[in-house]
Structure formats: structure tokens, C-alpha cells
Amino acid sequence: MPRRKPAPPPPSDRDSTKQETREALLLAGMELFAKQGLDAPSLDAICARAGFTRGAFYVHFADRESFIVAVMESATASFLDAILATRGAELDLAGTIAAFAGAVAGGSFGAFGKLPLHQVLTACARSRALRGRYVEILERTRERLASILRASQHAERVRDDIDAVQAAGLLIAIGLGVGVMLELRVPFDAAPHAGTLTALLAPR
């Protein structure tokens, strides 16, 4: 009879404290970036807002760019978690599209919290390293969406005659495109667009 693997040890108080410190720094960065842009807040200002020293900052982040990437990763993951509607392991496509439409209905693109999309794109244009890291975030997001889409195709909730990876890429491109339209203040009624997209991906 095979041995059962031992359960992983619960996180120690020290690990929990480190995670709380990291989350506090990320939150402080997001708040200051949203108010002042990605370039203006100093590391000292970010640390002071979080209530920690620069020493604590460098325990978690190698430099400013790695911190910006971590802020973008955290905000992207939170946004996806908020809008991805699932039924078990399957994507509830209509629910997810409706949740995205609801998230942007107020005229802002929430994938980066309160950080405007154009600031992220400007930072990526300025820094090749940052651009590369953001591309990695988008690729991981595409993989996550594709995995859920495949499960939904298997359950016959999403049409099965399309490639899941390509469909995931299109969903990301649509999301970013909506973000650009909102920043340009192009009139955009999210609800009917959401209905059209749902119809295009629904099983035939």
C-alpha cells in the first residue's frame, strides 16, 4: 500500500509576517502610483506609507522595476479573480463576460487597480526589462484563460471548434482594447458588447 504523502507544514508566524509586509508594500505602491504615476513616488515614500524601512523593501524586491512588476502582477491577478466566474473547474463564460462589462461600466479599466493603463504602457515603452516582464504576465494570463476554456469546451459550455489559446489571446486583446477606448473616452456601452461576445463564443 503506497504511503500517503505528509501534509505540508502550516505557514509559520515568520512566513505570515513576511507575506503581510510584502502585501503592505504592494498596497502602498499601488495607492501612490495611482495618485502620482509610476515615476514620482520615491522608495522612501512607498516604505513610509507602508510603515516599513528600505531594508524591509529589499528583502522582497530587488529594485524599483521588480516592485512595479509585482504591483502589476498583484493587480492583474486580483482583477482576474474578481471577474472569472466559474462552475467548479469550468468557466462560466457569460458570467465572466458580464462581470468584465460590469467592471468597466463606470468608465475605468480596473486591471491595474486605480493605475491608468497608459501609465503601464508608458513604463513598458521606456524599459525593455519591464516590458518583457509584463509580456510574461500576459502570457501567464493567456495560459490560465486557455486552461479554463478547454475545460469549458469539454463540458460543452464554450464552442469546441475554436482554439482555446487563440480565444484566450483574443479575450485579452479585447480587454486591453476596451481599456484604451475608455482612456480615450470613446463612447462604449459595455453590456450589449458583452452580449455579442457571449453569443460568438457560445456552443453552436
Protein backbone atom coordinates (compact mmCIF):
# COMPACT_ATOMS: atom_id res chain seq x y z
CA MET A 1 0.00 0.00 0.00
CA PRO A 2 1.60 3.32 -1.02
CA ARG A 3 2.49 5.72 1.70
CA ARG A 4 0.42 8.83 1.96
CA LYS A 5 2.46 12.00 1.47
CA PRO A 6 2.72 14.04 4.65
CA ALA A 7 0.71 17.24 4.65
CA PRO A 8 2.80 20.38 4.12
CA PRO A 9 3.58 22.21 7.34
CA PRO A 10 1.37 25.19 8.12
CA PRO A 11 2.96 28.58 7.44
CA SER A 12 5.00 29.86 10.35
CA ASP A 13 4.33 33.16 12.05
CA ARG A 14 7.51 34.45 10.42
CA ASP A 15 6.28 33.46 6.95
CA SER A 16 2.92 35.11 7.62
CA THR A 17 4.64 38.29 8.79
CA LYS A 18 6.83 38.37 5.67
CA GLN A 19 3.77 37.96 3.45
CA GLU A 20 1.92 40.71 5.31
CA THR A 21 4.92 43.02 4.88
CA ARG A 22 5.06 42.30 1.16
CA GLU A 23 1.32 42.88 0.75
CA ALA A 24 1.52 46.17 2.69
CA LEU A 25 4.33 47.40 0.43
CA LEU A 26 2.38 46.42 -2.70
CA LEU A 27 -0.73 48.19 -1.45
CA ALA A 28 1.24 51.33 -0.60
CA GLY A 29 2.85 51.27 -4.03
CA MET A 30 -0.48 50.88 -5.78
CA GLU A 31 -2.01 53.76 -3.83
CA LEU A 32 0.89 56.13 -4.53
CA PHE A 33 1.26 55.07 -8.17
CA ALA A 34 -2.45 55.71 -8.70
CA LYS A 35 -2.13 59.23 -7.28
CA GLN A 36 1.29 60.26 -8.59
CA GLY A 37 2.14 57.96 -11.51
CA LEU A 38 4.76 55.23 -11.72
CA ASP A 39 7.78 57.55 -11.69
CA ALA A 40 7.04 60.11 -9.00
CA PRO A 41 6.81 58.18 -5.70
CA SER A 42 10.20 57.52 -4.13
CA LEU A 43 11.01 54.20 -2.49
CA ASP A 44 11.24 56.08 0.81
CA ALA A 45 7.70 57.41 0.31
CA ILE A 46 6.39 53.94 -0.52
CA CYS A 47 8.11 52.41 2.52
CA ALA A 48 6.88 55.19 4.79
CA ARG A 49 3.30 54.75 3.62
CA ALA A 50 3.53 51.00 4.28
CA GLY A 51 5.18 51.60 7.65
CA PHE A 52 8.44 49.80 6.87
CA THR A 53 12.08 50.60 6.13
CA ARG A 54 14.04 50.31 2.91
CA GLY A 55 15.67 47.25 4.44
CA ALA A 56 12.27 45.54 4.55
CA PHE A 57 11.66 46.58 0.95
CA TYR A 58 14.85 44.94 -0.30
CA VAL A 59 14.01 41.69 1.49
CA HIS A 60 11.16 41.29 -1.00
CA PHE A 61 12.16 43.24 -4.12
CA ALA A 62 15.48 43.53 -5.93
CA ASP A 63 14.83 47.04 -7.24
CA ARG A 64 12.13 49.50 -8.27
CA GLU A 65 11.33 47.73 -11.54
CA SER A 66 10.81 44.36 -9.86
CA PHE A 67 8.49 46.14 -7.43
CA ILE A 68 6.48 47.71 -10.27
CA VAL A 69 6.16 44.27 -11.90
CA ALA A 70 4.96 42.79 -8.60
CA VAL A 71 2.35 45.56 -8.29
CA MET A 72 1.12 44.85 -11.83
CA GLU A 73 1.06 41.09 -11.19
CA SER A 74 -0.90 41.53 -7.98
CA ALA A 75 -3.41 43.91 -9.55
CA THR A 76 -3.88 41.71 -12.64
CA ALA A 77 -4.41 38.57 -10.56
CA SER A 78 -6.90 40.35 -8.29
CA PHE A 79 -8.83 41.66 -11.28
CA LEU A 80 -8.98 38.22 -12.91
CA ASP A 81 -10.04 36.57 -9.66
CA ALA A 82 -12.83 39.13 -9.34
CA ILE A 83 -14.26 38.66 -12.85
CA LEU A 84 -13.66 34.96 -13.59
CA ALA A 85 -16.98 33.29 -12.91
CA THR A 86 -16.67 29.51 -12.71
CA ARG A 87 -18.79 26.42 -12.19
CA GLY A 88 -16.33 24.11 -10.49
CA ALA A 89 -13.37 23.92 -12.86
CA GLU A 90 -15.38 25.25 -15.79
CA LEU A 91 -15.57 28.83 -16.97
CA ASP A 92 -18.99 30.42 -16.80
CA LEU A 93 -18.35 32.39 -19.96
CA ALA A 94 -21.48 34.53 -19.85
CA GLY A 95 -20.90 35.31 -16.17
CA THR A 96 -17.26 36.23 -16.74
CA ILE A 97 -18.00 38.50 -19.71
CA ALA A 98 -20.84 40.13 -17.78
CA ALA A 99 -18.53 40.65 -14.79
CA PHE A 100 -15.93 42.33 -17.02
CA ALA A 101 -18.62 44.54 -18.55
CA GLY A 102 -19.77 45.50 -15.08
CA ALA A 103 -16.21 46.27 -14.01
CA VAL A 104 -15.68 48.73 -16.86
CA ALA A 105 -19.21 50.15 -16.93
CA GLY A 106 -18.12 53.05 -14.74
CA GLY A 107 -15.65 54.19 -17.38
CA SER A 108 -12.40 52.83 -15.93
CA PHE A 109 -10.28 49.77 -16.68
CA GLY A 110 -9.68 48.02 -13.37
CA ALA A 111 -6.99 45.52 -14.35
CA PHE A 112 -4.35 47.62 -12.57
CA GLY A 113 -6.50 48.85 -9.73
CA LYS A 114 -6.60 52.64 -9.95
CA LEU A 115 -3.44 52.79 -12.06
CA PRO A 116 -4.28 54.07 -15.59
CA LEU A 117 -3.43 51.73 -18.45
CA HIS A 118 -1.45 54.42 -20.30
CA GLN A 119 0.98 54.69 -17.37
CA VAL A 120 1.70 50.97 -17.56
CA LEU A 121 2.23 51.13 -21.32
CA THR A 122 4.48 54.20 -21.00
CA ALA A 123 6.61 52.42 -18.40
CA CYS A 124 6.86 49.37 -20.67
CA ALA A 125 7.87 51.55 -23.63
CA ARG A 126 10.63 53.12 -21.52
CA SER A 127 12.05 49.91 -20.06
CA ARG A 128 12.78 46.79 -22.10
CA ALA A 129 13.09 44.73 -18.92
CA LEU A 130 9.73 45.93 -17.61
CA ARG A 131 8.11 45.31 -21.00
CA GLY A 132 9.47 41.76 -21.01
CA ARG A 133 8.11 41.08 -17.55
CA TYR A 134 4.70 42.47 -18.46
CA VAL A 135 4.62 40.26 -21.55
CA GLU A 136 5.24 37.32 -19.19
CA ILE A 137 2.25 38.40 -17.09
CA LEU A 138 0.06 38.48 -20.21
CA GLU A 139 1.34 35.08 -21.34
CA ARG A 140 0.56 33.52 -17.95
CA THR A 141 -2.88 35.13 -18.05
CA ARG A 142 -3.46 33.66 -21.51
CA GLU A 143 -2.43 30.21 -20.27
CA ARG A 144 -4.81 30.49 -17.32
CA LEU A 145 -7.72 31.53 -19.52
CA ALA A 146 -6.93 28.85 -22.12
CA SER A 147 -6.92 26.13 -19.46
CA ILE A 148 -10.34 27.19 -18.21
CA LEU A 149 -11.67 27.50 -21.78
CA ARG A 150 -10.55 23.93 -22.58
CA ALA A 151 -12.42 22.60 -19.54
CA SER A 152 -15.48 24.58 -20.62
CA GLN A 153 -15.24 23.21 -24.15
CA HIS A 154 -15.11 19.68 -22.74
CA ALA A 155 -18.28 20.47 -20.75
CA GLU A 156 -19.90 21.92 -23.91
CA ARG A 157 -20.28 25.39 -22.41
CA VAL A 158 -17.97 27.03 -24.97
CA ARG A 159 -17.91 26.22 -28.69
CA ASP A 160 -15.37 23.49 -29.40
CA ASP A 161 -14.44 24.47 -32.96
CA ILE A 162 -12.06 27.25 -31.83
CA ASP A 163 -8.54 27.05 -30.46
CA ALA A 164 -8.57 27.75 -26.71
CA VAL A 165 -5.19 29.53 -26.73
CA GLN A 166 -6.21 31.80 -29.61
CA ALA A 167 -9.57 32.52 -27.97
CA ALA A 168 -7.80 33.39 -24.71
CA GLY A 169 -5.47 35.71 -26.61
CA LEU A 170 -8.43 37.43 -28.24
CA LEU A 171 -10.15 37.91 -24.88
CA ILE A 172 -7.01 39.58 -23.52
CA ALA A 173 -6.71 41.75 -26.64
CA ILE A 174 -10.37 42.77 -26.32
CA GLY A 175 -9.85 43.62 -22.65
CA LEU A 176 -6.83 45.81 -23.37
CA GLY A 177 -8.64 47.39 -26.31
CA VAL A 178 -11.56 48.29 -24.06
CA GLY A 179 -9.05 49.86 -21.66
CA VAL A 180 -7.67 52.05 -24.43
CA MET A 181 -11.16 53.10 -25.55
CA LEU A 182 -12.10 54.08 -22.01
CA GLU A 183 -8.95 56.16 -21.56
CA LEU A 184 -9.66 57.92 -24.87
CA ARG A 185 -13.24 58.46 -23.67
CA VAL A 186 -14.69 56.73 -26.73
CA PRO A 187 -18.41 56.12 -26.03
CA PHE A 188 -18.67 52.45 -25.09
CA ASP A 189 -21.75 50.68 -23.79
CA ALA A 190 -20.29 47.53 -22.24
CA ALA A 191 -23.49 45.50 -21.78
CA PRO A 192 -24.53 44.99 -25.44
CA HIS A 193 -20.92 44.34 -26.44
CA ALA A 194 -20.77 41.69 -23.72
CA GLY A 195 -23.89 40.04 -25.12
CA THR A 196 -22.40 39.92 -28.62
CA LEU A 197 -19.14 38.39 -27.40
CA THR A 198 -21.03 35.77 -25.37
CA ALA A 199 -23.06 34.82 -28.45
CA LEU A 200 -19.91 34.48 -30.57
CA LEU A 201 -18.29 32.02 -28.14
CA ALA A 202 -21.39 30.07 -27.08
CA PRO A 203 -21.81 26.46 -28.33
CA ARG A 204 -23.49 26.13 -31.73
